[in-house]
C-alpha atoms as a PDB file:
ATOM      1  CA  MET A   1     -49.646  11.538 -11.025  1.00  0.00           C
ATOM      2  CA  ALA A   2     -48.389   9.953 -14.238  1.00  0.00           C
ATOM      3  CA  ALA A   3     -50.808   8.312 -16.694  1.00  0.00           C
ATOM      4  CA  ASN A   4     -49.896   4.816 -15.478  1.00  0.00           C
ATOM      5  CA  GLY A   5     -50.692   5.763 -11.891  1.00  0.00           C
ATOM      6  CA  THR A   6     -47.078   5.901 -10.743  1.00  0.00           C
ATOM      7  CA  THR A   7     -45.153   8.882  -9.421  1.00  0.00           C
ATOM      8  CA  SER A   8     -44.385  11.418 -12.136  1.00  0.00           C
ATOM      9  CA  PRO A   9     -40.962  11.158 -13.847  1.00  0.00           C
ATOM     10  CA  ALA A  10     -40.098  14.662 -12.678  1.00  0.00           C
ATOM     11  CA  LYS A  11     -40.638  13.716  -9.040  1.00  0.00           C
ATOM     12  CA  ALA A  12     -38.636  10.494  -9.399  1.00  0.00           C
ATOM     13  CA  ILE A  13     -35.795  12.457 -10.941  1.00  0.00           C
ATOM     14  CA  GLU A  14     -35.976  15.074  -8.201  1.00  0.00           C
ATOM     15  CA  GLU A  15     -35.852  12.413  -5.475  1.00  0.00           C
ATOM     16  CA  ALA A  16     -32.640  11.015  -6.944  1.00  0.00           C
ATOM     17  CA  LYS A  17     -30.741  14.285  -6.555  1.00  0.00           C
ATOM     18  CA  ILE A  18     -28.100  14.498  -3.828  1.00  0.00           C
ATOM     19  CA  ASP A  19     -25.273  16.879  -2.974  1.00  0.00           C
ATOM     20  CA  ILE A  20     -22.525  14.953  -1.194  1.00  0.00           C
ATOM     21  CA  LEU A  21     -20.079  17.865  -1.161  1.00  0.00           C
ATOM     22  CA  SER A  22     -20.937  19.643   2.077  1.00  0.00           C
ATOM     23  CA  GLN A  23     -19.661  23.076   3.021  1.00  0.00           C
ATOM     24  CA  ALA A  24     -17.452  21.445   5.618  1.00  0.00           C
ATOM     25  CA  GLN A  25     -15.928  18.990   3.141  1.00  0.00           C
ATOM     26  CA  GLU A  26     -12.735  20.972   2.645  1.00  0.00           C
ATOM     27  CA  ASP A  27     -12.156  21.182   6.395  1.00  0.00           C
ATOM     28  CA  ASP A  28     -12.942  17.468   6.708  1.00  0.00           C
ATOM     29  CA  ASN A  29     -10.340  16.683   4.055  1.00  0.00           C
ATOM     30  CA  VAL A  30      -7.704  18.661   5.949  1.00  0.00           C
ATOM     31  CA  LYS A  31      -8.520  16.649   9.072  1.00  0.00           C
ATOM     32  CA  TRP A  32      -8.390  13.391   7.115  1.00  0.00           C
ATOM     33  CA  ARG A  33      -4.978  14.180   5.662  1.00  0.00           C
ATOM     34  CA  ARG A  34      -3.683  14.771   9.172  1.00  0.00           C
ATOM     35  CA  GLN A  35      -5.204  11.475  10.361  1.00  0.00           C
ATOM     36  CA  VAL A  36      -3.509   9.715   7.446  1.00  0.00           C
ATOM     37  CA  SER A  37      -0.176  11.228   8.481  1.00  0.00           C
ATOM     38  CA  ARG A  38      -0.604   9.626  11.920  1.00  0.00           C
ATOM     39  CA  SER A  39      -1.541   6.123  10.831  1.00  0.00           C
ATOM     40  CA  PHE A  40       0.772   3.108  10.617  1.00  0.00           C
ATOM     41  CA  ILE A  41      -2.008   0.784   9.342  1.00  0.00           C
ATOM     42  CA  SER A  42      -1.035   0.631   5.666  1.00  0.00           C
ATOM     43  CA  ASP A  43       0.342   2.617   2.742  1.00  0.00           C
ATOM     44  CA  THR A  44      -2.982   2.216   0.909  1.00  0.00           C
ATOM     45  CA  ILE A  45      -4.680   4.911   3.006  1.00  0.00           C
ATOM     46  CA  THR A  46      -2.771   7.805   1.461  1.00  0.00           C
ATOM     47  CA  ALA A  47      -5.027  10.534   0.085  1.00  0.00           C
ATOM     48  CA  PRO A  48      -4.737  12.009  -3.419  1.00  0.00           C
ATOM     49  CA  THR A  49      -3.042  15.391  -3.247  1.00  0.00           C
ATOM     50  CA  PRO A  50      -4.705  18.579  -4.557  1.00  0.00           C
ATOM     51  CA  GLU A  51      -1.964  18.737  -7.200  1.00  0.00           C
ATOM     52  CA  MET A  52      -2.870  15.227  -8.362  1.00  0.00           C
ATOM     53  CA  TYR A  53      -6.534  16.216  -8.701  1.00  0.00           C
ATOM     54  CA  VAL A  54      -5.624  19.311 -10.730  1.00  0.00           C
ATOM     55  CA  TYR A  55      -3.467  17.173 -13.020  1.00  0.00           C
ATOM     56  CA  ALA A  56      -6.164  14.483 -13.377  1.00  0.00           C
ATOM     57  CA  VAL A  57      -8.881  17.003 -14.314  1.00  0.00           C
ATOM     58  CA  ARG A  58      -6.959  17.656 -17.537  1.00  0.00           C
ATOM     59  CA  ALA A  59      -7.060  13.967 -18.514  1.00  0.00           C
ATOM     60  CA  SER A  60      -8.661  12.699 -21.718  1.00  0.00           C
ATOM     61  CA  LEU A  61     -12.267  11.508 -21.542  1.00  0.00           C
ATOM     62  CA  GLY A  62     -12.154   8.437 -23.776  1.00  0.00           C
ATOM     63  CA  ASP A  63     -13.657   5.019 -23.009  1.00  0.00           C
ATOM     64  CA  ASP A  64     -11.000   2.440 -22.112  1.00  0.00           C
ATOM     65  CA  VAL A  65     -13.026  -0.428 -23.602  1.00  0.00           C
ATOM     66  CA  TYR A  66     -12.724   1.279 -26.993  1.00  0.00           C
ATOM     67  CA  ASP A  67      -9.956   3.865 -26.839  1.00  0.00           C
ATOM     68  CA  GLU A  68      -8.636   6.028 -23.997  1.00  0.00           C
ATOM     69  CA  PRO A  69      -5.629   8.191 -24.964  1.00  0.00           C
ATOM     70  CA  CYS A  70      -4.195   8.917 -21.496  1.00  0.00           C
ATOM     71  CA  THR A  71      -4.549   5.283 -20.446  1.00  0.00           C
ATOM     72  CA  LYS A  72      -2.868   4.062 -23.644  1.00  0.00           C
ATOM     73  CA  LEU A  73       0.045   6.439 -23.043  1.00  0.00           C
ATOM     74  CA  LEU A  74       0.434   5.238 -19.442  1.00  0.00           C
ATOM     75  CA  GLU A  75       0.280   1.574 -20.495  1.00  0.00           C
ATOM     76  CA  ALA A  76       2.927   2.126 -23.177  1.00  0.00           C
ATOM     77  CA  HIS A  77       5.134   3.964 -20.671  1.00  0.00           C
ATOM     78  CA  MET A  78       4.793   1.170 -18.101  1.00  0.00           C
ATOM     79  CA  ALA A  79       5.663  -1.483 -20.692  1.00  0.00           C
ATOM     80  CA  LYS A  80       8.810   0.439 -21.643  1.00  0.00           C
ATOM     81  CA  LEU A  81       9.692   1.178 -18.008  1.00  0.00           C
ATOM     82  CA  THR A  82       9.533  -2.499 -17.029  1.00  0.00           C
ATOM     83  CA  GLY A  83      11.136  -3.815 -20.216  1.00  0.00           C
ATOM     84  CA  LYS A  84       7.994  -5.620 -21.398  1.00  0.00           C
ATOM     85  CA  GLU A  85       6.119  -5.510 -24.700  1.00  0.00           C
ATOM     86  CA  ALA A  86       2.727  -4.402 -23.452  1.00  0.00           C
ATOM     87  CA  ALA A  87       0.797  -3.291 -20.399  1.00  0.00           C
ATOM     88  CA  LEU A  88      -2.785  -3.279 -19.121  1.00  0.00           C
ATOM     89  CA  ASP A  89      -4.151  -0.834 -16.554  1.00  0.00           C
ATOM     90  CA  ILE A  90      -6.190  -3.048 -14.181  1.00  0.00           C
ATOM     91  CA  HIS A  91      -7.382  -3.371 -10.618  1.00  0.00           C
ATOM     92  CA  SER A  92      -5.990  -6.885 -10.111  1.00  0.00           C
ATOM     93  CA  CYS A  93      -4.493  -9.727 -12.106  1.00  0.00           C
ATOM     94  CA  PRO A  94      -4.303 -13.506 -12.358  1.00  0.00           C
ATOM     95  CA  THR A  95      -1.155 -15.216 -11.084  1.00  0.00           C
ATOM     96  CA  ALA A  96       1.082 -17.773 -12.822  1.00  0.00           C
ATOM     97  CA  ILE A  97       2.443 -21.117 -11.655  1.00  0.00           C
ATOM     98  CA  ILE A  98       5.343 -19.591  -9.724  1.00  0.00           C
ATOM     99  CA  GLU A  99       4.619 -16.211  -8.191  1.00  0.00           C
ATOM    100  CA  LEU A 100       7.025 -14.137  -6.144  1.00  0.00           C
ATOM    101  CA  GLU A 101       6.276 -10.977  -4.196  1.00  0.00           C
ATOM    102  CA  ASN A 102       8.811  -8.164  -4.011  1.00  0.00           C
ATOM    103  CA  THR A 103       8.869  -6.541  -1.542  1.00  0.00           C
ATOM    104  CA  LEU A 104       7.586  -9.196   0.874  1.00  0.00           C
ATOM    105  CA  ASN A 105       6.616  -7.874   4.298  1.00  0.00           C
ATOM    106  CA  GLY A 106       8.761  -4.866   3.481  1.00  0.00           C
ATOM    107  CA  THR A 107      11.891  -6.922   2.768  1.00  0.00           C
ATOM    108  CA  ILE A 108      13.683  -7.064  -0.571  1.00  0.00           C
ATOM    109  CA  LEU A 109      14.123 -10.426  -2.289  1.00  0.00           C
ATOM    110  CA  PRO A 110      17.737 -10.895  -3.450  1.00  0.00           C
ATOM    111  CA  GLN A 111      17.802 -10.440  -7.221  1.00  0.00           C
ATOM    112  CA  GLN A 112      20.212 -13.353  -7.693  1.00  0.00           C
ATOM    113  CA  ASP A 113      17.782 -15.687  -5.906  1.00  0.00           C
ATOM    114  CA  ILE A 114      15.006 -14.491  -8.203  1.00  0.00           C
ATOM    115  CA  ILE A 115      17.153 -15.138 -11.264  1.00  0.00           C
ATOM    116  CA  GLU A 116      17.953 -18.691 -10.130  1.00  0.00           C
ATOM    117  CA  ILE A 117      14.271 -19.443  -9.475  1.00  0.00           C
ATOM    118  CA  SER A 118      13.395 -18.012 -12.882  1.00  0.00           C
ATOM    119  CA  GLU A 119      16.025 -20.106 -14.654  1.00  0.00           C
ATOM    120  CA  PHE A 120      14.687 -23.243 -12.991  1.00  0.00           C
ATOM    121  CA  ALA A 121      11.098 -22.318 -13.859  1.00  0.00           C
ATOM    122  CA  HIS A 122      11.770 -21.533 -17.502  1.00  0.00           C
ATOM    123  CA  ALA A 123      13.931 -24.646 -17.897  1.00  0.00           C
ATOM    124  CA  ASN A 124      10.845 -26.594 -16.862  1.00  0.00           C
ATOM    125  CA  ASP A 125       8.415 -24.601 -19.037  1.00  0.00           C
ATOM    126  CA  ILE A 126       6.916 -22.815 -16.015  1.00  0.00           C
ATOM    127  CA  LYS A 127       5.838 -19.200 -16.222  1.00  0.00           C
ATOM    128  CA  MET A 128       7.038 -16.635 -13.697  1.00  0.00           C
ATOM    129  CA  HIS A 129       4.838 -13.859 -12.319  1.00  0.00           C
ATOM    130  CA  LEU A 130       5.872 -11.046  -9.989  1.00  0.00           C
ATOM    131  CA  ASP A 131       3.509  -9.457  -7.519  1.00  0.00           C
ATOM    132  CA  GLY A 132       5.293  -6.140  -7.715  1.00  0.00           C
ATOM    133  CA  ALA A 133       2.743  -4.064  -5.826  1.00  0.00           C
ATOM    134  CA  ARG A 134       5.597  -2.451  -3.891  1.00  0.00           C
ATOM    135  CA  ILE A 135       8.412  -3.018  -6.412  1.00  0.00           C
ATOM    136  CA  TRP A 136       8.874   0.763  -6.392  1.00  0.00           C
ATOM    137  CA  HIS A 137      10.478   0.423  -2.965  1.00  0.00           C
ATOM    138  CA  VAL A 138      13.049  -2.048  -4.316  1.00  0.00           C
ATOM    139  CA  ALA A 139      14.019   0.291  -7.145  1.00  0.00           C
ATOM    140  CA  ALA A 140      14.178   3.296  -4.819  1.00  0.00           C
ATOM    141  CA  GLU A 141      16.277   1.476  -2.208  1.00  0.00           C
ATOM    142  CA  THR A 142      18.680  -0.419  -4.486  1.00  0.00           C
ATOM    143  CA  GLY A 143      18.821   1.888  -7.489  1.00  0.00           C
ATOM    144  CA  THR A 144      18.113  -1.097  -9.756  1.00  0.00           C
ATOM    145  CA  PRO A 145      16.078  -0.143 -12.869  1.00  0.00           C
ATOM    146  CA  LEU A 146      12.577  -1.574 -13.002  1.00  0.00           C
ATOM    147  CA  SER A 147      13.409  -3.247 -16.314  1.00  0.00           C
ATOM    148  CA  GLU A 148      16.183  -5.241 -14.613  1.00  0.00           C
ATOM    149  CA  LEU A 149      14.015  -6.142 -11.612  1.00  0.00           C
ATOM    150  CA  CYS A 150      11.254  -7.354 -13.931  1.00  0.00           C
ATOM    151  CA  ALA A 151      13.475  -9.172 -16.456  1.00  0.00           C
ATOM    152  CA  PRO A 152      13.258 -12.669 -14.831  1.00  0.00           C
ATOM    153  CA  PHE A 153       9.446 -12.632 -15.010  1.00  0.00           C
ATOM    154  CA  ASP A 154       7.001 -13.344 -17.819  1.00  0.00           C
ATOM    155  CA  SER A 155       4.465 -10.992 -16.284  1.00  0.00           C
ATOM    156  CA  VAL A 156       4.494  -8.357 -13.563  1.00  0.00           C
ATOM    157  CA  SER A 157       1.749  -6.507 -11.727  1.00  0.00           C
ATOM    158  CA  LEU A 158       2.542  -3.091 -10.270  1.00  0.00           C
ATOM    159  CA  CYS A 159       0.295  -1.066  -7.975  1.00  0.00           C
ATOM    160  CA  PHE A 160      -0.069   2.711  -8.189  1.00  0.00           C
ATOM    161  CA  SER A 161      -1.851   3.086  -4.841  1.00  0.00           C
ATOM    162  CA  LYS A 162       0.519   1.094  -2.603  1.00  0.00           C
ATOM    163  CA  GLY A 163       3.514   3.271  -1.962  1.00  0.00           C
ATOM    164  CA  LEU A 164       2.890   5.816  -4.714  1.00  0.00           C
ATOM    165  CA  GLY A 165      -0.335   7.280  -3.353  1.00  0.00           C
ATOM    166  CA  ALA A 166      -2.595   7.177  -6.425  1.00  0.00           C
ATOM    167  CA  PRO A 167      -6.279   6.716  -5.503  1.00  0.00           C
ATOM    168  CA  ILE A 168      -6.742   3.576  -7.611  1.00  0.00           C
ATOM    169  CA  GLY A 169      -5.113   1.424 -10.232  1.00  0.00           C
ATOM    170  CA  SER A 170      -2.600  -1.303 -11.009  1.00  0.00           C
ATOM    171  CA  CYS A 171      -0.774  -2.221 -14.183  1.00  0.00           C
ATOM    172  CA  LEU A 172      -0.038  -5.627 -15.684  1.00  0.00           C
ATOM    173  CA  VAL A 173       2.942  -5.933 -18.045  1.00  0.00           C
ATOM    174  CA  GLY A 174       4.169  -8.794 -20.222  1.00  0.00           C
ATOM    175  CA  THR A 175       4.370  -9.911 -23.851  1.00  0.00           C
ATOM    176  CA  LYS A 176       1.954  -8.409 -26.368  1.00  0.00           C
ATOM    177  CA  GLU A 177       0.283 -11.796 -26.803  1.00  0.00           C
ATOM    178  CA  PHE A 178      -0.154 -12.168 -23.037  1.00  0.00           C
ATOM    179  CA  ILE A 179      -1.575  -8.661 -22.601  1.00  0.00           C
ATOM    180  CA  THR A 180      -3.958  -9.108 -25.535  1.00  0.00           C
ATOM    181  CA  ARG A 181      -5.378 -12.206 -23.861  1.00  0.00           C
ATOM    182  CA  ALA A 182      -5.424 -10.519 -20.437  1.00  0.00           C
ATOM    183  CA  ARG A 183      -7.370  -7.616 -21.944  1.00  0.00           C
ATOM    184  CA  TRP A 184      -9.900 -10.100 -23.324  1.00  0.00           C
ATOM    185  CA  PHE A 185     -10.285 -11.789 -19.935  1.00  0.00           C
ATOM    186  CA  ARG A 186     -10.622  -8.430 -18.212  1.00  0.00           C
ATOM    187  CA  LYS A 187     -13.576  -7.597 -20.460  1.00  0.00           C
ATOM    188  CA  LEU A 188     -15.018 -11.108 -20.103  1.00  0.00           C
ATOM    189  CA  PHE A 189     -15.172 -10.815 -16.312  1.00  0.00           C
ATOM    190  CA  GLY A 190     -16.597  -7.307 -16.313  1.00  0.00           C
ATOM    191  CA  GLY A 191     -13.343  -5.503 -15.616  1.00  0.00           C
ATOM    192  CA  GLY A 192     -13.529  -3.111 -18.548  1.00  0.00           C
ATOM    193  CA  MET A 193     -13.823   0.501 -17.437  1.00  0.00           C
ATOM    194  CA  ARG A 194     -14.979   3.575 -19.267  1.00  0.00           C
ATOM    195  CA  GLN A 195     -13.429   7.010 -18.695  1.00  0.00           C
ATOM    196  CA  THR A 196     -10.116   5.923 -17.157  1.00  0.00           C
ATOM    197  CA  GLY A 197      -8.164   9.010 -18.136  1.00  0.00           C
ATOM    198  CA  PHE A 198      -8.289  10.543 -14.665  1.00  0.00           C
ATOM    199  CA  MET A 199      -7.017   7.270 -13.166  1.00  0.00           C
ATOM    200  CA  SER A 200      -4.123   7.110 -15.599  1.00  0.00           C
ATOM    201  CA  ALA A 201      -3.330  10.776 -15.022  1.00  0.00           C
ATOM    202  CA  SER A 202      -3.261  10.181 -11.261  1.00  0.00           C
ATOM    203  CA  ALA A 203      -0.942   7.207 -11.756  1.00  0.00           C
ATOM    204  CA  ALA A 204       1.332   9.229 -14.034  1.00  0.00           C
ATOM    205  CA  TYR A 205       1.438  12.034 -11.475  1.00  0.00           C
ATOM    206  CA  ALA A 206       2.314   9.547  -8.737  1.00  0.00           C
ATOM    207  CA  LEU A 207       5.118   8.065 -10.848  1.00  0.00           C
ATOM    208  CA  THR A 208       6.589  11.479 -11.532  1.00  0.00           C
ATOM    209  CA  HIS A 209       6.112  13.229  -8.193  1.00  0.00           C
ATOM    210  CA  HIS A 210       5.652  10.539  -5.506  1.00  0.00           C
ATOM    211  CA  PHE A 211       8.159   7.875  -6.572  1.00  0.00           C
ATOM    212  CA  PRO A 212      11.050  10.223  -5.615  1.00  0.00           C
ATOM    213  CA  LEU A 213       9.620  10.466  -2.074  1.00  0.00           C
ATOM    214  CA  LEU A 214      10.271   6.802  -1.222  1.00  0.00           C
ATOM    215  CA  PRO A 215      13.861   7.269   0.045  1.00  0.00           C
ATOM    216  CA  ARG A 216      12.415   9.552   2.755  1.00  0.00           C
ATOM    217  CA  VAL A 217       9.969   6.772   3.649  1.00  0.00           C
ATOM    218  CA  HIS A 218      12.857   4.322   4.051  1.00  0.00           C
ATOM    219  CA  THR A 219      14.781   6.770   6.237  1.00  0.00           C
ATOM    220  CA  LEU A 220      11.761   7.246   8.515  1.00  0.00           C
ATOM    221  CA  THR A 221      11.242   3.484   8.691  1.00  0.00           C
ATOM    222  CA  ARG A 222      14.823   2.860   9.790  1.00  0.00           C
ATOM    223  CA  LYS A 223      14.531   5.649  12.353  1.00  0.00           C
ATOM    224  CA  LEU A 224      11.397   3.986  13.723  1.00  0.00           C
ATOM    225  CA  GLU A 225      13.063   0.567  13.849  1.00  0.00           C
ATOM    226  CA  LYS A 226      16.208   1.874  15.568  1.00  0.00           C
ATOM    227  CA  GLY A 227      14.190   3.823  18.116  1.00  0.00           C
ATOM    228  CA  LEU A 228      12.200   0.733  19.065  1.00  0.00           C
ATOM    229  CA  GLU A 229      15.229  -1.535  19.193  1.00  0.00           C
ATOM    230  CA  ASP A 230      17.213   0.929  21.310  1.00  0.00           C
ATOM    231  CA  MET A 231      14.561   0.773  24.034  1.00  0.00           C
ATOM    232  CA  GLY A 232      14.464  -3.041  24.110  1.00  0.00           C
ATOM    233  CA  VAL A 233      11.601  -3.805  21.745  1.00  0.00           C
ATOM    234  CA  ARG A 234      12.175  -6.970  19.707  1.00  0.00           C
ATOM    235  CA  ILE A 235      12.291  -6.444  15.930  1.00  0.00           C
ATOM    236  CA  THR A 236      10.791  -9.593  14.405  1.00  0.00           C
ATOM    237  CA  SER A 237      11.622  -8.784  10.772  1.00  0.00           C
ATOM    238  CA  ARG A 238      14.279  -6.352   9.631  1.00  0.00           C
ATOM    239  CA  ALA A 239      13.041  -3.087   8.115  1.00  0.00           C
ATOM    240  CA  GLU A 240      14.431  -2.676   4.613  1.00  0.00           C
ATOM    241  CA  THR A 241      11.839  -0.397   3.042  1.00  0.00           C
ATOM    242  CA  CYS A 242       8.522   0.754   4.536  1.00  0.00           C
ATOM    243  CA  MET A 243       7.503  -1.768   7.215  1.00  0.00           C
ATOM    244  CA  VAL A 244       8.541  -2.470  10.787  1.00  0.00           C
ATOM    245  CA  PHE A 245       7.435  -5.687  12.497  1.00  0.00           C
ATOM    246  CA  PHE A 246       7.920  -5.595  16.239  1.00  0.00           C
ATOM    247  CA  ASP A 247       7.164  -7.366  19.504  1.00  0.00           C
ATOM    248  CA  PRO A 248       6.793  -5.030  22.535  1.00  0.00           C
ATOM    249  CA  SER A 249       6.534  -7.817  25.117  1.00  0.00           C
ATOM    250  CA  PRO A 250      10.229  -7.549  26.178  1.00  0.00           C
ATOM    251  CA  ILE A 251       9.377  -4.160  27.718  1.00  0.00           C
ATOM    252  CA  GLY A 252       6.136  -5.488  29.223  1.00  0.00           C
ATOM    253  CA  VAL A 253       3.724  -3.935  26.742  1.00  0.00           C
ATOM    254  CA  SER A 254       0.968  -5.791  24.881  1.00  0.00           C
ATOM    255  CA  TYR A 255      -0.239  -4.885  21.396  1.00  0.00           C
ATOM    256  CA  ALA A 256      -3.757  -4.217  22.684  1.00  0.00           C
ATOM    257  CA  GLU A 257      -2.454  -1.869  25.383  1.00  0.00           C
ATOM    258  CA  LEU A 258      -0.327  -0.031  22.845  1.00  0.00           C
ATOM    259  CA  VAL A 259      -3.213   0.372  20.388  1.00  0.00           C
ATOM    260  CA  ASP A 260      -5.415   1.689  23.194  1.00  0.00           C
ATOM    261  CA  ARG A 261      -2.885   4.205  24.518  1.00  0.00           C
ATOM    262  CA  ALA A 262      -1.987   5.426  21.023  1.00  0.00           C
ATOM    263  CA  SER A 263      -5.667   6.071  20.303  1.00  0.00           C
ATOM    264  CA  LYS A 264      -5.892   8.293  23.407  1.00  0.00           C
ATOM    265  CA  LEU A 265      -3.026  10.638  22.573  1.00  0.00           C
ATOM    266  CA  PRO A 266      -3.938  14.340  22.091  1.00  0.00           C
ATOM    267  CA  GLU A 267      -3.451  13.593  18.407  1.00  0.00           C
ATOM    268  CA  PRO A 268      -4.283   9.875  18.116  1.00  0.00           C
ATOM    269  CA  ILE A 269      -2.024   7.475  16.240  1.00  0.00           C
ATOM    270  CA  LYS A 270      -3.716   4.646  14.344  1.00  0.00           C
ATOM    271  CA  LEU A 271      -2.203   1.204  14.948  1.00  0.00           C
ATOM    272  CA  GLY A 272      -3.298  -2.285  14.008  1.00  0.00           C
ATOM    273  CA  GLY A 273      -0.896  -4.662  15.715  1.00  0.00           C
ATOM    274  CA  SER A 274       2.665  -5.785  15.104  1.00  0.00           C
ATOM    275  CA  ARG A 275       3.078  -4.130  11.702  1.00  0.00           C
ATOM    276  CA  LEU A 276       3.943  -0.461  11.299  1.00  0.00           C
ATOM    277  CA  VAL A 277       3.733   0.855   7.740  1.00  0.00           C
ATOM    278  CA  VAL A 278       5.383   4.147   6.859  1.00  0.00           C
ATOM    279  CA  HIS A 279       4.118   5.898   3.720  1.00  0.00           C
ATOM    280  CA  ILE A 280       4.750   9.066   1.732  1.00  0.00           C
ATOM    281  CA  GLN A 281       2.308  11.033   3.890  1.00  0.00           C
ATOM    282  CA  THR A 282       3.567   9.820   7.272  1.00  0.00           C
ATOM    283  CA  ALA A 283       4.489  12.864   9.359  1.00  0.00           C
ATOM    284  CA  GLU A 284       7.878  12.896  11.059  1.00  0.00           C
ATOM    285  CA  ASP A 285       6.259  13.984  14.317  1.00  0.00           C
ATOM    286  CA  THR A 286       4.126  10.831  14.168  1.00  0.00           C
ATOM    287  CA  VAL A 287       7.275   8.711  14.412  1.00  0.00           C
ATOM    288  CA  GLU A 288       8.570  10.909  17.240  1.00  0.00           C
ATOM    289  CA  ASP A 289       5.257  10.762  19.121  1.00  0.00           C
ATOM    290  CA  PHE A 290       5.032   6.983  18.730  1.00  0.00           C
ATOM    291  CA  LEU A 291       8.549   6.444  20.051  1.00  0.00           C
ATOM    292  CA  ALA A 292       7.842   8.839  22.922  1.00  0.00           C
ATOM    293  CA  LEU A 293       4.739   6.828  23.816  1.00  0.00           C
ATOM    294  CA  MET A 294       6.739   3.594  23.742  1.00  0.00           C
ATOM    295  CA  ARG A 295       9.386   5.089  26.025  1.00  0.00           C
ATOM    296  CA  GLN A 296       6.669   6.259  28.410  1.00  0.00           C
ATOM    297  CA  LEU A 297       5.049   2.814  28.501  1.00  0.00           C
ATOM    298  CA  ALA A 298       8.428   1.133  29.003  1.00  0.00           C
ATOM    299  CA  GLN A 299       9.173   3.413  31.951  1.00  0.00           C
ATOM    300  CA  GLU A 300       5.740   2.774  33.473  1.00  0.00           C
ATOM    301  CA  LYS A 301       6.313  -0.984  33.270  1.00  0.00           C
ATOM    302  CA  LYS A 302       9.795  -0.646  34.735  1.00  0.00           C
ATOM    303  CA  ASP A 303       8.495   1.483  37.616  1.00  0.00           C
ATOM    304  CA  ALA A 304       5.847  -1.171  38.259  1.00  0.00           C
ATOM    305  CA  GLY A 305       8.574  -3.791  38.651  1.00  0.00           C
ATOM    306  CA  PHE A 306       8.340  -5.554  35.283  1.00  0.00           C
ATOM    307  CA  VAL A 307      11.215  -7.937  34.570  1.00  0.00           C
ATOM    308  CA  TYR A 308      11.425  -9.637  31.187  1.00  0.00           C
ATOM    309  CA  SER A 309      11.560 -13.439  31.104  1.00  0.00           C
ATOM    310  CA  GLU A 310      12.536 -15.247  27.914  1.00  0.00           C
ATOM    311  CA  GLU A 311      10.875 -18.428  29.200  1.00  0.00           C
ATOM    312  CA  GLN A 312       7.528 -16.692  29.716  1.00  0.00           C
ATOM    313  CA  HIS A 313       7.862 -15.076  26.320  1.00  0.00           C
ATOM    314  CA  LYS A 314       8.359 -18.445  24.620  1.00  0.00           C
ATOM    315  CA  ALA A 315       5.511 -19.974  26.612  1.00  0.00           C
ATOM    316  CA  LYS A 316       3.123 -17.342  25.284  1.00  0.00           C
ATOM    317  CA  GLY A 317       4.179 -18.202  21.748  1.00  0.00           C
ATOM    318  CA  VAL A 318       4.585 -14.587  20.649  1.00  0.00           C
ATOM    319  CA  GLY A 319       5.491 -14.531  16.976  1.00  0.00           C
ATOM    320  CA  LYS A 320       5.344 -18.327  16.804  1.00  0.00           C
ATOM    321  CA  ASP A 321       3.130 -18.558  13.738  1.00  0.00           C
ATOM    322  CA  SER A 322       3.519 -15.164  12.140  1.00  0.00           C
ATOM    323  CA  ILE A 323       5.329 -11.867  12.529  1.00  0.00           C
ATOM    324  CA  TYR A 324       2.058 -10.175  11.635  1.00  0.00           C
ATOM    325  CA  VAL A 325      -0.177  -9.915  14.705  1.00  0.00           C
ATOM    326  CA  LYS A 326      -3.440  -8.017  14.255  1.00  0.00           C
ATOM    327  CA  VAL A 327      -5.329  -6.437  17.129  1.00  0.00           C
ATOM    328  CA  LYS A 328      -9.110  -6.794  17.005  1.00  0.00           C
ATOM    329  CA  PRO A 329     -11.341  -4.094  18.526  1.00  0.00           C
ATOM    330  CA  SER A 330     -12.497  -6.657  21.094  1.00  0.00           C
ATOM    331  CA  ASP A 331      -8.888  -7.018  22.311  1.00  0.00           C
ATOM    332  CA  VAL A 332      -8.722  -3.392  23.403  1.00  0.00           C
ATOM    333  CA  LYS A 333     -10.093  -2.588  26.847  1.00  0.00           C
ATOM    334  CA  LYS A 334     -12.765   0.080  26.875  1.00  0.00           C
END
């Protein structure tokens, strides 16, 4: 017992110890990577690769509030890449008066439309901000340099986890004056981080090694869309990059039924509703298995005498308010 009657410091320290890396962790990670490859929920679920970890371990150990070499190098690179004066590695950012998102629901905003909106905004002293979380997909699909895509905007936020597969991190780019003030606000609201080198290294690795993988993602997405459309499924928003929005009711299938059946496959496929998101770790056999399941369900409905009625479809209001329909656990029959 300590002099003040409390538990001894040594015991308190001992009680705090924990080993979260179990012997089975490596096997669990292998299983998780496979589960990720069979999920259409989002592109944010991608797991850092072993190569990314090895690269990140070599990162500098500075404190980003004061000076972090790797993070400063990444920020300078991002500013140059997007044609801006400065950059700030952050987890989120404030938005301006007019904000556009590109891509939006997986579709690419026409650059000429963006330019016209920007000209109107700047003529009226209005700032332009781009939510460019998935701007990588636009560059990969169109071949347009990031600097050109970002030119109409005063500020741009880019995400390293959506699409690129880094474990964490976004970057805000703009004028030096804007970034200096954003850095101040980040610190004011408790957003300053310490040893960010490993985060910046992971982002740099993703830029170098994962960005080139996006054309494959787009090819898989189009294959998924065509397969669904060929069997009579309604495509509610055209797939241009990594997302497919669909309505299976024309073949007699409900979202809840589809989610349930996909979860019961020998190797389950994770679904969430009307949105299918393909990412850099999506396995090709996942797309094949999903389309095979859809064909099986369509045949079952046809054998049961299902006949599609446009009137009934409209009466149910499918897709009336949004192309994005989420399935809650309570919607799925046990």
